Amino acid sequence: MDEGRRLALSVDWWVIWRSQEPVSSALMQAHLLHWVPAVSAILERNKRKKAGIHNWSQLADQMHRDLANLYRMRVGEYTPNARDFLTLSTLLDIPVERFYPTKLDWLAGAAQLLWKGGSRLGRQWTPDASAYAYTEYILSRAGSHDDQLDKRVLKTIHSSRHRQFLDAKGLERSILEVADGVGRQLMKVHMACQNS
């Protein structure tokens, strides 16, 4: 089995290499692609209703932050901390959980970013079915043996995602395609860590 594919299918790369590029950026951007559009939608809703905080400038004022600082948060130059999300939750009157994607959504987003590259910030964004299938597979802890994916896990994923994949072979090809793309990025990280 190709070493990159093996890493992508059997290593918790989001844990082991969470501070290494490009994994770190993919995790951060997947989070940004979740919370920034959510806040933008709430601000837009408030603007339509003519109630509450309805733009980023007002939000910065209420947070007692410079607008440029809030902009840096929105584009990933500065990572908001838990206190920032608690403040946003309070000011926008939404549950703090809305700022965090589920583990499946977060990892599927990071996998897609590693596999295919970036996405435009500020737009509603959802990883594609292949990234979700790959993520479901790796979270199942099935791994792979002799370049073969676990057929029982594939059957389970296919039953829940049958609308996106016509057959189990198509599902398997999609998972391996994502694994190969993610694996190419992980090999770079793996080699850099070994050389340091």
N, C-alpha and C. Protein backbone atom coordinates (compact mmCIF):
# COMPACT_ATOMS: atom_id res chain seq x y z
N MET A 1 0.85 -1.19 0.00
CA MET A 1 0.00 0.00 0.00
C MET A 1 0.88 1.24 0.00
N ASP A 2 0.47 2.23 -0.75
CA ASP A 2 1.15 3.52 -0.78
C ASP A 2 1.20 4.09 0.64
N GLU A 3 2.35 4.62 1.03
CA GLU A 3 2.54 5.12 2.41
C GLU A 3 1.60 6.28 2.73
N GLY A 4 1.38 7.18 1.78
CA GLY A 4 0.46 8.30 2.01
C GLY A 4 -0.95 7.80 2.26
N ARG A 5 -1.41 6.86 1.44
CA ARG A 5 -2.75 6.29 1.63
C ARG A 5 -2.84 5.61 2.99
N ARG A 6 -1.80 4.87 3.36
CA ARG A 6 -1.80 4.19 4.66
C ARG A 6 -1.94 5.20 5.80
N LEU A 7 -1.18 6.29 5.73
CA LEU A 7 -1.28 7.32 6.77
C LEU A 7 -2.69 7.91 6.81
N ALA A 8 -3.25 8.19 5.64
CA ALA A 8 -4.57 8.82 5.58
C ALA A 8 -5.67 7.91 6.10
N LEU A 9 -5.46 6.60 6.02
CA LEU A 9 -6.50 5.65 6.45
C LEU A 9 -6.30 5.12 7.87
N SER A 10 -5.09 5.25 8.41
CA SER A 10 -4.85 4.57 9.69
C SER A 10 -4.28 5.44 10.80
N VAL A 11 -3.98 6.70 10.51
CA VAL A 11 -3.38 7.58 11.51
C VAL A 11 -4.35 8.71 11.84
N ASP A 12 -4.50 9.02 13.11
CA ASP A 12 -5.32 10.17 13.52
C ASP A 12 -4.53 11.46 13.25
N TRP A 13 -4.42 11.81 11.97
CA TRP A 13 -3.59 12.94 11.54
C TRP A 13 -4.02 14.24 12.17
N TRP A 14 -5.31 14.41 12.47
CA TRP A 14 -5.82 15.65 13.06
C TRP A 14 -5.40 15.76 14.52
N VAL A 15 -4.93 14.67 15.11
CA VAL A 15 -4.42 14.68 16.48
C VAL A 15 -2.90 14.81 16.45
N ILE A 16 -2.26 13.90 15.74
CA ILE A 16 -0.81 13.82 15.72
C ILE A 16 -0.16 15.07 15.12
N TRP A 17 -0.73 15.55 13.99
CA TRP A 17 -0.10 16.65 13.26
C TRP A 17 -0.95 17.92 13.29
N ARG A 18 -1.74 18.10 14.34
CA ARG A 18 -2.64 19.26 14.41
C ARG A 18 -1.90 20.60 14.40
N SER A 19 -0.63 20.60 14.80
CA SER A 19 0.15 21.85 14.82
C SER A 19 1.07 21.97 13.62
N GLN A 20 1.04 21.00 12.73
CA GLN A 20 1.92 21.00 11.56
C GLN A 20 1.15 21.44 10.32
N GLU A 21 1.83 22.20 9.46
CA GLU A 21 1.22 22.59 8.19
C GLU A 21 1.35 21.46 7.19
N PRO A 22 0.36 21.24 6.36
CA PRO A 22 -0.87 21.99 6.14
C PRO A 22 -2.06 21.53 6.98
N VAL A 23 -1.85 20.55 7.86
CA VAL A 23 -2.95 20.04 8.68
C VAL A 23 -3.53 21.13 9.56
N SER A 24 -2.67 21.89 10.21
CA SER A 24 -3.13 22.97 11.08
C SER A 24 -4.02 23.96 10.34
N SER A 25 -3.58 24.39 9.17
CA SER A 25 -4.38 25.34 8.38
C SER A 25 -5.71 24.74 7.93
N ALA A 26 -5.70 23.47 7.54
CA ALA A 26 -6.94 22.82 7.09
C ALA A 26 -7.94 22.74 8.24
N LEU A 27 -7.47 22.39 9.43
CA LEU A 27 -8.37 22.32 10.59
C LEU A 27 -8.92 23.70 10.92
N MET A 28 -8.04 24.70 10.91
CA MET A 28 -8.48 26.06 11.22
C MET A 28 -9.46 26.58 10.17
N GLN A 29 -9.15 26.36 8.90
CA GLN A 29 -10.04 26.86 7.85
C GLN A 29 -11.38 26.13 7.84
N ALA A 30 -11.38 24.84 8.13
CA ALA A 30 -12.65 24.11 8.20
C ALA A 30 -13.53 24.69 9.31
N HIS A 31 -12.91 25.08 10.41
CA HIS A 31 -13.65 25.73 11.49
C HIS A 31 -14.16 27.10 11.05
N LEU A 32 -13.28 27.88 10.42
CA LEU A 32 -13.69 29.20 9.92
C LEU A 32 -14.88 29.08 8.95
N LEU A 33 -14.81 28.09 8.08
CA LEU A 33 -15.87 27.91 7.08
C LEU A 33 -17.18 27.48 7.72
N HIS A 34 -17.13 27.14 8.98
CA HIS A 34 -18.36 26.84 9.72
C HIS A 34 -18.88 28.09 10.44
N TRP A 35 -18.03 28.73 11.25
CA TRP A 35 -18.56 29.78 12.12
C TRP A 35 -18.72 31.13 11.43
N VAL A 36 -17.85 31.50 10.50
CA VAL A 36 -17.97 32.81 9.86
C VAL A 36 -19.27 32.94 9.07
N PRO A 37 -19.62 31.96 8.21
CA PRO A 37 -20.92 32.07 7.52
C PRO A 37 -22.11 32.06 8.48
N ALA A 38 -21.99 31.33 9.60
CA ALA A 38 -23.09 31.31 10.58
C ALA A 38 -23.29 32.70 11.18
N VAL A 39 -22.21 33.37 11.55
CA VAL A 39 -22.32 34.72 12.10
C VAL A 39 -22.83 35.68 11.03
N SER A 40 -22.31 35.57 9.82
CA SER A 40 -22.78 36.44 8.73
C SER A 40 -24.28 36.29 8.50
N ALA A 41 -24.77 35.06 8.55
CA ALA A 41 -26.20 34.82 8.35
C ALA A 41 -27.03 35.44 9.47
N ILE A 42 -26.54 35.37 10.70
CA ILE A 42 -27.26 35.98 11.82
C ILE A 42 -27.27 37.49 11.69
N LEU A 43 -26.15 38.07 11.31
CA LEU A 43 -26.09 39.52 11.12
C LEU A 43 -27.05 39.95 10.01
N GLU A 44 -27.09 39.19 8.93
CA GLU A 44 -27.99 39.49 7.82
C GLU A 44 -29.45 39.37 8.25
N ARG A 45 -29.75 38.34 9.02
CA ARG A 45 -31.12 38.16 9.54
C ARG A 45 -31.50 39.35 10.42
N ASN A 46 -30.60 39.75 11.31
CA ASN A 46 -30.87 40.90 12.18
C ASN A 46 -31.08 42.18 11.37
N LYS A 47 -30.31 42.31 10.30
CA LYS A 47 -30.46 43.49 9.44
C LYS A 47 -31.84 43.50 8.79
N ARG A 48 -32.29 42.36 8.28
CA ARG A 48 -33.62 42.28 7.67
C ARG A 48 -34.73 42.58 8.69
N LYS A 49 -34.54 42.09 9.91
CA LYS A 49 -35.54 42.31 10.96
C LYS A 49 -35.40 43.67 11.62
N LYS A 50 -34.32 44.38 11.28
CA LYS A 50 -34.04 45.68 11.89
C LYS A 50 -34.00 45.57 13.41
N ALA A 51 -33.28 44.54 13.87
CA ALA A 51 -33.18 44.30 15.31
C ALA A 51 -31.78 43.78 15.63
N GLY A 52 -31.26 44.19 16.77
CA GLY A 52 -29.98 43.67 17.23
C GLY A 52 -28.80 44.13 16.39
N ILE A 53 -27.68 43.50 16.63
CA ILE A 53 -26.44 43.80 15.91
C ILE A 53 -26.61 43.27 14.49
N HIS A 54 -26.36 44.14 13.51
CA HIS A 54 -26.60 43.68 12.14
C HIS A 54 -25.43 43.87 11.18
N ASN A 55 -24.23 44.19 11.69
CA ASN A 55 -23.05 44.18 10.82
C ASN A 55 -21.80 43.95 11.66
N TRP A 56 -20.71 43.65 10.96
CA TRP A 56 -19.46 43.32 11.65
C TRP A 56 -18.91 44.51 12.43
N SER A 57 -19.14 45.71 11.96
CA SER A 57 -18.66 46.90 12.65
C SER A 57 -19.34 47.05 14.01
N GLN A 58 -20.67 46.89 14.02
CA GLN A 58 -21.40 46.94 15.30
C GLN A 58 -20.94 45.82 16.23
N LEU A 59 -20.71 44.66 15.65
CA LEU A 59 -20.24 43.53 16.46
C LEU A 59 -18.89 43.85 17.09
N ALA A 60 -17.98 44.42 16.32
CA ALA A 60 -16.67 44.80 16.85
C ALA A 60 -16.82 45.81 17.99
N ASP A 61 -17.71 46.80 17.80
CA ASP A 61 -17.94 47.79 18.86
C ASP A 61 -18.43 47.13 20.14
N GLN A 62 -19.40 46.23 20.00
CA GLN A 62 -19.96 45.56 21.18
C GLN A 62 -18.96 44.63 21.86
N MET A 63 -18.02 44.12 21.07
CA MET A 63 -16.98 43.25 21.63
C MET A 63 -15.83 44.06 22.22
N HIS A 64 -15.88 45.40 22.03
CA HIS A 64 -14.79 46.28 22.44
C HIS A 64 -13.49 45.88 21.75
N ARG A 65 -13.64 45.65 20.45
CA ARG A 65 -12.52 45.26 19.62
C ARG A 65 -12.43 46.18 18.42
N ASP A 66 -11.24 46.37 17.94
CA ASP A 66 -11.00 47.10 16.71
C ASP A 66 -11.58 46.25 15.57
N LEU A 67 -12.22 46.89 14.60
CA LEU A 67 -12.81 46.18 13.47
C LEU A 67 -11.74 45.38 12.72
N ALA A 68 -10.54 45.91 12.63
CA ALA A 68 -9.44 45.20 11.95
C ALA A 68 -9.11 43.90 12.69
N ASN A 69 -9.20 43.93 14.01
CA ASN A 69 -8.94 42.73 14.79
C ASN A 69 -10.00 41.67 14.51
N LEU A 70 -11.25 42.10 14.44
CA LEU A 70 -12.34 41.16 14.13
C LEU A 70 -12.18 40.62 12.70
N TYR A 71 -11.74 41.46 11.79
CA TYR A 71 -11.47 41.01 10.43
C TYR A 71 -10.39 39.92 10.43
N ARG A 72 -9.33 40.11 11.22
CA ARG A 72 -8.27 39.11 11.30
C ARG A 72 -8.81 37.78 11.82
N MET A 73 -9.78 37.82 12.72
CA MET A 73 -10.42 36.60 13.19
C MET A 73 -11.17 35.91 12.04
N ARG A 74 -11.90 36.72 11.27
CA ARG A 74 -12.74 36.20 10.20
C ARG A 74 -11.95 35.54 9.08
N VAL A 75 -10.73 35.98 8.87
CA VAL A 75 -9.93 35.43 7.77
C VAL A 75 -8.85 34.46 8.24
N GLY A 76 -8.82 34.20 9.54
CA GLY A 76 -7.90 33.20 10.05
C GLY A 76 -6.51 33.68 10.40
N GLU A 77 -6.30 34.98 10.41
CA GLU A 77 -4.99 35.51 10.82
C GLU A 77 -4.85 35.48 12.34
N TYR A 78 -5.96 35.46 13.01
CA TYR A 78 -5.99 35.39 14.47
C TYR A 78 -7.06 34.36 14.83
N THR A 79 -6.74 33.44 15.68
CA THR A 79 -7.69 32.40 16.06
C THR A 79 -8.48 32.83 17.29
N PRO A 80 -9.80 32.93 17.16
CA PRO A 80 -10.61 33.29 18.32
C PRO A 80 -10.47 32.21 19.41
N ASN A 81 -10.55 32.64 20.64
CA ASN A 81 -10.48 31.68 21.74
C ASN A 81 -11.89 31.44 22.30
N ALA A 82 -11.98 30.59 23.29
CA ALA A 82 -13.28 30.24 23.88
C ALA A 82 -14.00 31.47 24.41
N ARG A 83 -13.27 32.42 24.98
CA ARG A 83 -13.90 33.65 25.50
C ARG A 83 -14.51 34.47 24.36
N ASP A 84 -13.82 34.50 23.22
CA ASP A 84 -14.37 35.21 22.06
C ASP A 84 -15.69 34.58 21.62
N PHE A 85 -15.73 33.25 21.57
CA PHE A 85 -16.97 32.59 21.14
C PHE A 85 -18.08 32.76 22.18
N LEU A 86 -17.73 32.78 23.45
CA LEU A 86 -18.73 33.04 24.49
C LEU A 86 -19.29 34.45 24.33
N THR A 87 -18.42 35.40 24.02
CA THR A 87 -18.85 36.78 23.80
C THR A 87 -19.77 36.87 22.59
N LEU A 88 -19.37 36.25 21.47
CA LEU A 88 -20.20 36.25 20.26
C LEU A 88 -21.56 35.60 20.55
N SER A 89 -21.53 34.51 21.28
CA SER A 89 -22.76 33.81 21.64
C SER A 89 -23.70 34.72 22.42
N THR A 90 -23.14 35.46 23.36
CA THR A 90 -23.94 36.36 24.18
C THR A 90 -24.48 37.53 23.37
N LEU A 91 -23.62 38.15 22.59
CA LEU A 91 -24.03 39.32 21.81
C LEU A 91 -25.05 38.99 20.72
N LEU A 92 -24.92 37.81 20.13
CA LEU A 92 -25.82 37.42 19.04
C LEU A 92 -26.99 36.56 19.52
N ASP A 93 -26.99 36.25 20.81
CA ASP A 93 -28.05 35.46 21.43
C ASP A 93 -28.27 34.12 20.73
N ILE A 94 -27.17 33.41 20.58
CA ILE A 94 -27.23 32.06 20.01
C ILE A 94 -26.41 31.12 20.89
N PRO A 95 -26.71 29.83 20.84
CA PRO A 95 -25.92 28.88 21.65
C PRO A 95 -24.46 28.86 21.21
N VAL A 96 -23.57 28.75 22.14
CA VAL A 96 -22.14 28.75 21.84
C VAL A 96 -21.79 27.55 20.95
N GLU A 97 -22.56 26.47 21.02
CA GLU A 97 -22.29 25.29 20.20
C GLU A 97 -22.36 25.59 18.70
N ARG A 98 -23.11 26.61 18.32
CA ARG A 98 -23.25 26.95 16.90
C ARG A 98 -21.92 27.37 16.27
N PHE A 99 -20.94 27.71 17.09
CA PHE A 99 -19.65 28.13 16.57
C PHE A 99 -18.72 26.97 16.29
N TYR A 100 -19.13 25.78 16.67
CA TYR A 100 -18.29 24.60 16.47
C TYR A 100 -19.00 23.57 15.62
N PRO A 101 -18.34 23.09 14.57
CA PRO A 101 -18.93 22.01 13.78
C PRO A 101 -18.87 20.70 14.55
N THR A 102 -19.64 19.73 14.13
CA THR A 102 -19.50 18.39 14.70
C THR A 102 -18.13 17.85 14.30
N LYS A 103 -17.70 16.82 15.00
CA LYS A 103 -16.41 16.20 14.65
C LYS A 103 -16.42 15.73 13.20
N LEU A 104 -17.52 15.10 12.78
CA LEU A 104 -17.62 14.63 11.39
C LEU A 104 -17.52 15.78 10.40
N ASP A 105 -18.26 16.87 10.65
CA ASP A 105 -18.22 18.03 9.74
C ASP A 105 -16.83 18.67 9.71
N TRP A 106 -16.23 18.81 10.89
CA TRP A 106 -14.93 19.46 10.98
C TRP A 106 -13.86 18.66 10.24
N LEU A 107 -13.82 17.35 10.49
CA LEU A 107 -12.81 16.52 9.85
C LEU A 107 -13.07 16.34 8.36
N ALA A 108 -14.34 16.25 7.97
CA ALA A 108 -14.65 16.16 6.53
C ALA A 108 -14.21 17.44 5.83
N GLY A 109 -14.43 18.58 6.47
CA GLY A 109 -13.99 19.85 5.90
C GLY A 109 -12.47 19.91 5.78
N ALA A 110 -11.78 19.50 6.83
CA ALA A 110 -10.31 19.51 6.79
C ALA A 110 -9.80 18.52 5.75
N ALA A 111 -10.42 17.35 5.66
CA ALA A 111 -10.01 16.36 4.66
C ALA A 111 -10.20 16.92 3.25
N GLN A 112 -11.33 17.56 3.02
CA GLN A 112 -11.56 18.12 1.68
C GLN A 112 -10.54 19.21 1.36
N LEU A 113 -10.23 20.04 2.33
CA LEU A 113 -9.24 21.10 2.10
C LEU A 113 -7.86 20.51 1.82
N LEU A 114 -7.49 19.44 2.52
CA LEU A 114 -6.21 18.78 2.24
C LEU A 114 -6.23 18.12 0.87
N TRP A 115 -7.36 17.52 0.53
CA TRP A 115 -7.51 16.77 -0.72
C TRP A 115 -7.59 17.69 -1.93
N LYS A 116 -8.44 18.72 -1.85
CA LYS A 116 -8.73 19.54 -3.03
C LYS A 116 -8.24 20.97 -2.94
N GLY A 117 -7.86 21.42 -1.77
CA GLY A 117 -7.44 22.82 -1.64
C GLY A 117 -8.51 23.68 -1.01
N GLY A 118 -8.26 24.98 -0.98
CA GLY A 118 -9.08 25.94 -0.25
C GLY A 118 -10.46 26.20 -0.82
N SER A 119 -11.21 26.95 -0.05
CA SER A 119 -12.54 27.38 -0.43
C SER A 119 -12.66 28.85 -0.07
N ARG A 120 -13.61 29.52 -0.67
CA ARG A 120 -13.78 30.95 -0.38
C ARG A 120 -14.43 31.14 0.98
N LEU A 121 -13.82 31.97 1.79
CA LEU A 121 -14.41 32.28 3.10
C LEU A 121 -15.63 33.17 2.93
N GLY A 122 -16.52 33.06 3.90
CA GLY A 122 -17.68 33.93 3.91
C GLY A 122 -18.87 33.35 3.17
N ARG A 123 -18.67 32.26 2.46
CA ARG A 123 -19.77 31.63 1.74
C ARG A 123 -20.13 30.35 2.47
N GLN A 124 -21.41 30.01 2.43
CA GLN A 124 -21.82 28.75 3.03
C GLN A 124 -21.12 27.63 2.27
N TRP A 125 -20.55 26.69 2.98
CA TRP A 125 -19.70 25.68 2.37
C TRP A 125 -19.93 24.37 3.07
N THR A 126 -20.06 23.33 2.29
CA THR A 126 -20.22 21.99 2.83
C THR A 126 -19.29 21.07 2.07
N PRO A 127 -18.52 20.27 2.78
CA PRO A 127 -17.67 19.30 2.08
C PRO A 127 -18.52 18.35 1.23
N ASP A 128 -17.91 17.76 0.21
CA ASP A 128 -18.69 16.88 -0.65
C ASP A 128 -18.84 15.49 -0.05
N ALA A 129 -19.68 14.68 -0.68
CA ALA A 129 -20.03 13.35 -0.16
C ALA A 129 -18.80 12.46 -0.02
N SER A 130 -17.84 12.59 -0.92
CA SER A 130 -16.63 11.76 -0.83
C SER A 130 -15.82 12.08 0.43
N ALA A 131 -15.72 13.36 0.76
CA ALA A 131 -14.99 13.75 1.98
C ALA A 131 -15.70 13.22 3.22
N TYR A 132 -17.04 13.27 3.21
CA TYR A 132 -17.79 12.72 4.34
C TYR A 132 -17.61 11.20 4.44
N ALA A 133 -17.67 10.51 3.31
CA ALA A 133 -17.52 9.05 3.33
C ALA A 133 -16.13 8.67 3.85
N TYR A 134 -15.09 9.36 3.36
CA TYR A 134 -13.74 9.11 3.85
C TYR A 134 -13.67 9.32 5.36
N THR A 135 -14.26 10.42 5.83
CA THR A 135 -14.20 10.74 7.26
C THR A 135 -14.96 9.71 8.09
N GLU A 136 -16.12 9.30 7.62
CA GLU A 136 -16.85 8.24 8.33
C GLU A 136 -16.00 6.98 8.41
N TYR A 137 -15.31 6.68 7.32
CA TYR A 137 -14.47 5.49 7.30
C TYR A 137 -13.34 5.60 8.33
N ILE A 138 -12.61 6.71 8.32
CA ILE A 138 -11.48 6.82 9.25
C ILE A 138 -11.94 6.89 10.70
N LEU A 139 -13.10 7.47 10.94
CA LEU A 139 -13.61 7.52 12.32
C LEU A 139 -14.11 6.17 12.79
N SER A 140 -14.36 5.25 11.88
CA SER A 140 -14.79 3.90 12.26
C SER A 140 -13.64 3.09 12.84
N ARG A 141 -12.41 3.60 12.64
CA ARG A 141 -11.19 2.94 13.10
C ARG A 141 -10.93 1.61 12.40
N ALA A 142 -11.49 1.45 11.21
CA ALA A 142 -11.34 0.19 10.48
C ALA A 142 -9.94 0.02 9.90
N GLY A 143 -9.31 1.12 9.51
CA GLY A 143 -8.01 1.02 8.86
C GLY A 143 -8.13 0.33 7.52
N SER A 144 -7.05 -0.23 7.06
CA SER A 144 -7.08 -1.01 5.82
C SER A 144 -6.04 -2.11 5.94
N HIS A 145 -6.28 -3.16 5.21
CA HIS A 145 -5.40 -4.32 5.28
C HIS A 145 -5.07 -4.74 3.85
N ASP A 146 -3.80 -4.80 3.54
CA ASP A 146 -3.36 -5.22 2.21
C ASP A 146 -4.06 -4.43 1.11
N ASP A 147 -4.14 -3.12 1.32
CA ASP A 147 -4.73 -2.21 0.32
C ASP A 147 -6.23 -2.42 0.13
N GLN A 148 -6.88 -3.08 1.07
CA GLN A 148 -8.31 -3.32 1.00
C GLN A 148 -9.01 -2.60 2.15
N LEU A 149 -10.13 -1.99 1.85
CA LEU A 149 -10.92 -1.36 2.90
C LEU A 149 -11.84 -2.41 3.51
N ASP A 150 -12.22 -2.19 4.74
CA ASP A 150 -13.10 -3.11 5.46
C ASP A 150 -14.49 -3.10 4.82
N LYS A 151 -14.90 -4.23 4.29
CA LYS A 151 -16.17 -4.33 3.55
C LYS A 151 -17.38 -4.08 4.45
N ARG A 152 -17.31 -4.49 5.72
CA ARG A 152 -18.44 -4.25 6.63
C ARG A 152 -18.65 -2.76 6.86
N VAL A 153 -17.55 -2.03 7.03
CA VAL A 153 -17.65 -0.59 7.24
C VAL A 153 -18.17 0.08 5.97
N LEU A 154 -17.67 -0.35 4.81
CA LEU A 154 -18.16 0.19 3.54
C LEU A 154 -19.66 -0.03 3.40
N LYS A 155 -20.13 -1.21 3.78
CA LYS A 155 -21.56 -1.51 3.68
C LYS A 155 -22.37 -0.59 4.59
N THR A 156 -21.87 -0.34 5.79
CA THR A 156 -22.56 0.55 6.72
C THR A 156 -22.62 1.97 6.17
N ILE A 157 -21.50 2.46 5.67
CA ILE A 157 -21.46 3.82 5.12
C ILE A 157 -22.36 3.91 3.89
N HIS A 158 -22.31 2.89 3.04
CA HIS A 158 -23.12 2.91 1.83
C HIS A 158 -24.61 2.94 2.17
N SER A 159 -25.01 2.22 3.21
CA SER A 159 -26.43 2.21 3.57
C SER A 159 -26.90 3.58 4.05
N SER A 160 -26.01 4.35 4.66
CA SER A 160 -26.41 5.69 5.12
C SER A 160 -26.23 6.76 4.04
N ARG A 161 -25.42 6.48 3.03
CA ARG A 161 -25.13 7.47 1.99
C ARG A 161 -25.50 6.94 0.60
N HIS A 162 -26.50 6.07 0.53
CA HIS A 162 -26.83 5.42 -0.74
C HIS A 162 -27.26 6.40 -1.82
N ARG A 163 -27.75 7.55 -1.43
CA ARG A 163 -28.16 8.53 -2.44
C ARG A 163 -26.97 9.16 -3.16
N GLN A 164 -25.84 9.26 -2.46
CA GLN A 164 -24.65 9.87 -3.06
C GLN A 164 -23.81 8.88 -3.87
N PHE A 165 -23.91 7.59 -3.53
CA PHE A 165 -23.08 6.58 -4.19
C PHE A 165 -23.97 5.45 -4.69
N LEU A 166 -23.89 5.17 -5.98
CA LEU A 166 -24.76 4.16 -6.57
C LEU A 166 -24.44 2.75 -6.09
N ASP A 167 -23.16 2.48 -5.87
CA ASP A 167 -22.79 1.13 -5.42
C ASP A 167 -21.60 1.21 -4.48
N ALA A 168 -21.32 0.10 -3.83
CA ALA A 168 -20.23 0.05 -2.86
C ALA A 168 -18.87 0.26 -3.52
N LYS A 169 -18.71 -0.17 -4.77
CA LYS A 169 -17.44 0.05 -5.47
C LYS A 169 -17.18 1.54 -5.70
N GLY A 170 -18.23 2.28 -6.06
CA GLY A 170 -18.09 3.73 -6.24
C GLY A 170 -17.74 4.41 -4.94
N LEU A 171 -18.34 3.94 -3.85
CA LEU A 171 -18.04 4.47 -2.52
C LEU A 171 -16.58 4.21 -2.19
N GLU A 172 -16.13 2.98 -2.42
CA GLU A 172 -14.75 2.62 -2.12
C GLU A 172 -13.78 3.46 -2.95
N ARG A 173 -14.06 3.63 -4.24
CA ARG A 173 -13.19 4.46 -5.09
C ARG A 173 -13.12 5.89 -4.56
N SER A 174 -14.26 6.41 -4.12
CA SER A 174 -14.29 7.79 -3.60
C SER A 174 -13.47 7.92 -2.33
N ILE A 175 -13.62 6.96 -1.43
CA ILE A 175 -12.85 7.00 -0.18
C ILE A 175 -11.36 6.93 -0.48
N LEU A 176 -10.97 6.05 -1.39
CA LEU A 176 -9.55 5.92 -1.73
C LEU A 176 -9.02 7.15 -2.45
N GLU A 177 -9.85 7.79 -3.25
CA GLU A 177 -9.43 9.03 -3.93
C GLU A 177 -9.13 10.12 -2.90
N VAL A 178 -10.02 10.27 -1.93
CA VAL A 178 -9.78 11.27 -0.87
C VAL A 178 -8.55 10.87 -0.06
N ALA A 179 -8.45 9.59 0.29
CA ALA A 179 -7.30 9.12 1.08
C ALA A 179 -5.99 9.39 0.34
N ASP A 180 -5.99 9.20 -0.97
CA ASP A 180 -4.76 9.47 -1.73
C ASP A 180 -4.41 10.96 -1.70
N GLY A 181 -5.42 11.82 -1.86
CA GLY A 181 -5.18 13.26 -1.82
C GLY A 181 -4.73 13.74 -0.46
N VAL A 182 -5.40 13.27 0.58
CA VAL A 182 -5.00 13.61 1.95
C VAL A 182 -3.62 13.03 2.22
N GLY A 183 -3.41 11.82 1.76
CA GLY A 183 -2.13 11.14 1.99
C GLY A 183 -0.95 11.87 1.39
N ARG A 184 -1.13 12.49 0.21
CA ARG A 184 -0.04 13.28 -0.38
C ARG A 184 0.38 14.41 0.55
N GLN A 185 -0.60 15.06 1.17
CA GLN A 185 -0.29 16.15 2.11
C GLN A 185 0.34 15.59 3.39
N LEU A 186 -0.16 14.46 3.85
CA LEU A 186 0.37 13.87 5.09
C LEU A 186 1.80 13.39 4.91
N MET A 187 2.14 12.92 3.72
CA MET A 187 3.52 12.49 3.47
C MET A 187 4.48 13.67 3.61
N LYS A 188 4.05 14.84 3.16
CA LYS A 188 4.89 16.04 3.31
C LYS A 188 5.13 16.33 4.80
N VAL A 189 4.06 16.22 5.58
CA VAL A 189 4.18 16.47 7.02
C VAL A 189 5.07 15.40 7.65
N HIS A 190 4.82 14.16 7.31
CA HIS A 190 5.57 13.04 7.86
C HIS A 190 7.07 13.19 7.57
N MET A 191 7.39 13.52 6.33
CA MET A 191 8.80 13.69 5.95
C MET A 191 9.43 14.89 6.67
N ALA A 192 8.69 15.99 6.77
CA ALA A 192 9.22 17.17 7.46
C ALA A 192 9.49 16.85 8.93
N CYS A 193 8.59 16.10 9.56
CA CYS A 193 8.79 15.75 10.98
C CYS A 193 9.98 14.81 11.15
N GLN A 194 10.18 13.91 10.21
CA GLN A 194 11.32 13.00 10.31
C GLN A 194 12.64 13.72 10.08
N ASN A 195 12.62 14.76 9.26
CA ASN A 195 13.85 15.51 8.95
C ASN A 195 14.20 16.55 10.00
N SER A 196 13.30 16.79 10.94
CA SER A 196 13.60 17.83 11.94
C SER A 196 14.11 17.24 13.23
